[in-house]
Amino acid sequence: MIINTKNLVSISEANQNFSKVARLVDENGAVVILKNNVPKYVLLEYTQLDEEPSDNEITAMAQNIITRNIAAFKELAK
């Protein structure tokens, strides 16, 4: 399963506009729901439930998140 990290939605938005989030899933396969600005949940199509990400996919996702948020990680490390 590949998760497009551009499909980030706050938990408030997901709660208030679930149909929009469901459309994003239909269009892109999955949505990452943030809680307190941290990825917390993933909403995906039921048919993708049994698929497991490969090690390469997990590494790519982690690297993408680190790259996009490096400034925040450095600030937290202080």
C-alpha atoms as a PDB file:
ATOM      1  CA  MET A   1       0.000   0.000   0.000  1.00  0.00           C
ATOM      2  CA  ILE A   2       1.417   3.356  -1.016  1.00  0.00           C
ATOM      3  CA  ILE A   3       0.133   6.382   0.871  1.00  0.00           C
ATOM      4  CA  ASN A   4       0.321   9.759  -0.807  1.00  0.00           C
ATOM      5  CA  THR A   5       1.373  12.084   2.009  1.00  0.00           C
ATOM      6  CA  LYS A   6      -0.124  15.013   0.094  1.00  0.00           C
ATOM      7  CA  ASN A   7      -3.527  13.692   1.209  1.00  0.00           C
ATOM      8  CA  LEU A   8      -3.276  14.948   4.760  1.00  0.00           C
ATOM      9  CA  VAL A   9      -6.512  15.924   6.495  1.00  0.00           C
ATOM     10  CA  SER A  10      -6.986  17.192  10.033  1.00  0.00           C
ATOM     11  CA  ILE A  11      -9.195  15.144  12.303  1.00  0.00           C
ATOM     12  CA  SER A  12     -11.496  18.179  12.637  1.00  0.00           C
ATOM     13  CA  GLU A  13     -11.952  18.387   8.873  1.00  0.00           C
ATOM     14  CA  ALA A  14     -12.508  14.632   8.651  1.00  0.00           C
ATOM     15  CA  ASN A  15     -15.156  14.884  11.364  1.00  0.00           C
ATOM     16  CA  GLN A  16     -16.922  17.846   9.799  1.00  0.00           C
ATOM     17  CA  ASN A  17     -16.693  16.819   6.156  1.00  0.00           C
ATOM     18  CA  PHE A  18     -16.385  13.052   5.933  1.00  0.00           C
ATOM     19  CA  SER A  19     -17.825  12.910   2.418  1.00  0.00           C
ATOM     20  CA  LYS A  20     -14.926  15.091   1.180  1.00  0.00           C
ATOM     21  CA  VAL A  21     -12.429  12.757   2.847  1.00  0.00           C
ATOM     22  CA  ALA A  22     -14.163   9.730   1.309  1.00  0.00           C
ATOM     23  CA  ARG A  23     -13.900  11.359  -2.139  1.00  0.00           C
ATOM     24  CA  LEU A  24     -10.162  11.867  -1.579  1.00  0.00           C
ATOM     25  CA  VAL A  25      -9.866   8.160  -0.788  1.00  0.00           C
ATOM     26  CA  ASP A  26     -11.796   7.304  -3.960  1.00  0.00           C
ATOM     27  CA  GLU A  27      -9.499   9.544  -6.018  1.00  0.00           C
ATOM     28  CA  ASN A  28      -6.164   8.746  -4.372  1.00  0.00           C
ATOM     29  CA  GLY A  29      -6.506   5.420  -2.589  1.00  0.00           C
ATOM     30  CA  ALA A  30      -5.907   6.647   0.969  1.00  0.00           C
ATOM     31  CA  VAL A  31      -5.998   9.673   3.261  1.00  0.00           C
ATOM     32  CA  VAL A  32      -3.810  10.322   6.288  1.00  0.00           C
ATOM     33  CA  ILE A  33      -5.753  11.897   9.153  1.00  0.00           C
ATOM     34  CA  LEU A  34      -3.758  14.124  11.482  1.00  0.00           C
ATOM     35  CA  LYS A  35      -4.412  14.504  15.186  1.00  0.00           C
ATOM     36  CA  ASN A  36      -2.581  17.428  16.788  1.00  0.00           C
ATOM     37  CA  ASN A  37      -0.658  17.816  13.495  1.00  0.00           C
ATOM     38  CA  VAL A  38       0.722  14.270  13.754  1.00  0.00           C
ATOM     39  CA  PRO A  39      -0.261  11.446  11.382  1.00  0.00           C
ATOM     40  CA  LYS A  40      -2.564   9.281  13.484  1.00  0.00           C
ATOM     41  CA  TYR A  41      -4.994   7.401  11.220  1.00  0.00           C
ATOM     42  CA  VAL A  42      -5.209   6.182   7.645  1.00  0.00           C
ATOM     43  CA  LEU A  43      -8.493   5.869   5.799  1.00  0.00           C
ATOM     44  CA  LEU A  44      -8.358   3.554   2.811  1.00  0.00           C
ATOM     45  CA  GLU A  45     -10.585   1.510   0.583  1.00  0.00           C
ATOM     46  CA  TYR A  46     -11.678  -1.790   2.092  1.00  0.00           C
ATOM     47  CA  THR A  47     -10.183  -3.703  -0.831  1.00  0.00           C
ATOM     48  CA  GLN A  48      -6.715  -2.442   0.187  1.00  0.00           C
ATOM     49  CA  LEU A  49      -7.047  -3.724   3.731  1.00  0.00           C
ATOM     50  CA  ASP A  50      -5.176  -6.977   3.174  1.00  0.00           C
ATOM     51  CA  GLU A  51      -2.290  -5.387   1.291  1.00  0.00           C
ATOM     52  CA  GLU A  52       0.851  -4.830   3.331  1.00  0.00           C
ATOM     53  CA  PRO A  53       3.419  -2.210   2.368  1.00  0.00           C
ATOM     54  CA  SER A  54       6.822  -3.457   1.320  1.00  0.00           C
ATOM     55  CA  ASP A  55       9.908  -2.442   3.244  1.00  0.00           C
ATOM     56  CA  ASN A  56      10.836  -0.140   0.361  1.00  0.00           C
ATOM     57  CA  GLU A  57       7.433   1.573   0.487  1.00  0.00           C
ATOM     58  CA  ILE A  58       7.717   2.087   4.252  1.00  0.00           C
ATOM     59  CA  THR A  59      11.230   3.489   3.874  1.00  0.00           C
ATOM     60  CA  ALA A  60      10.078   5.848   1.107  1.00  0.00           C
ATOM     61  CA  MET A  61       7.133   7.074   3.193  1.00  0.00           C
ATOM     62  CA  ALA A  62       9.331   7.656   6.242  1.00  0.00           C
ATOM     63  CA  GLN A  63      11.961   9.495   4.190  1.00  0.00           C
ATOM     64  CA  ASN A  64       9.277  11.680   2.611  1.00  0.00           C
ATOM     65  CA  ILE A  65       7.856  12.637   6.011  1.00  0.00           C
ATOM     66  CA  ILE A  66      11.320  13.349   7.440  1.00  0.00           C
ATOM     67  CA  THR A  67      12.357  15.419   4.417  1.00  0.00           C
ATOM     68  CA  ARG A  68       9.190  17.524   4.455  1.00  0.00           C
ATOM     69  CA  ASN A  69       9.345  18.107   8.206  1.00  0.00           C
ATOM     70  CA  ILE A  70      13.079  18.303   8.915  1.00  0.00           C
ATOM     71  CA  ALA A  71      12.863  21.826  10.320  1.00  0.00           C
ATOM     72  CA  ALA A  72      10.237  20.767  12.863  1.00  0.00           C
ATOM     73  CA  PHE A  73      12.252  17.691  13.860  1.00  0.00           C
ATOM     74  CA  LYS A  74      15.375  19.826  14.376  1.00  0.00           C
ATOM     75  CA  GLU A  75      13.384  22.279  16.508  1.00  0.00           C
ATOM     76  CA  LEU A  76      11.982  19.463  18.641  1.00  0.00           C
ATOM     77  CA  ALA A  77      15.466  18.007  19.115  1.00  0.00           C
ATOM     78  CA  LYS A  78      16.734  21.161  20.805  1.00  0.00           C
END
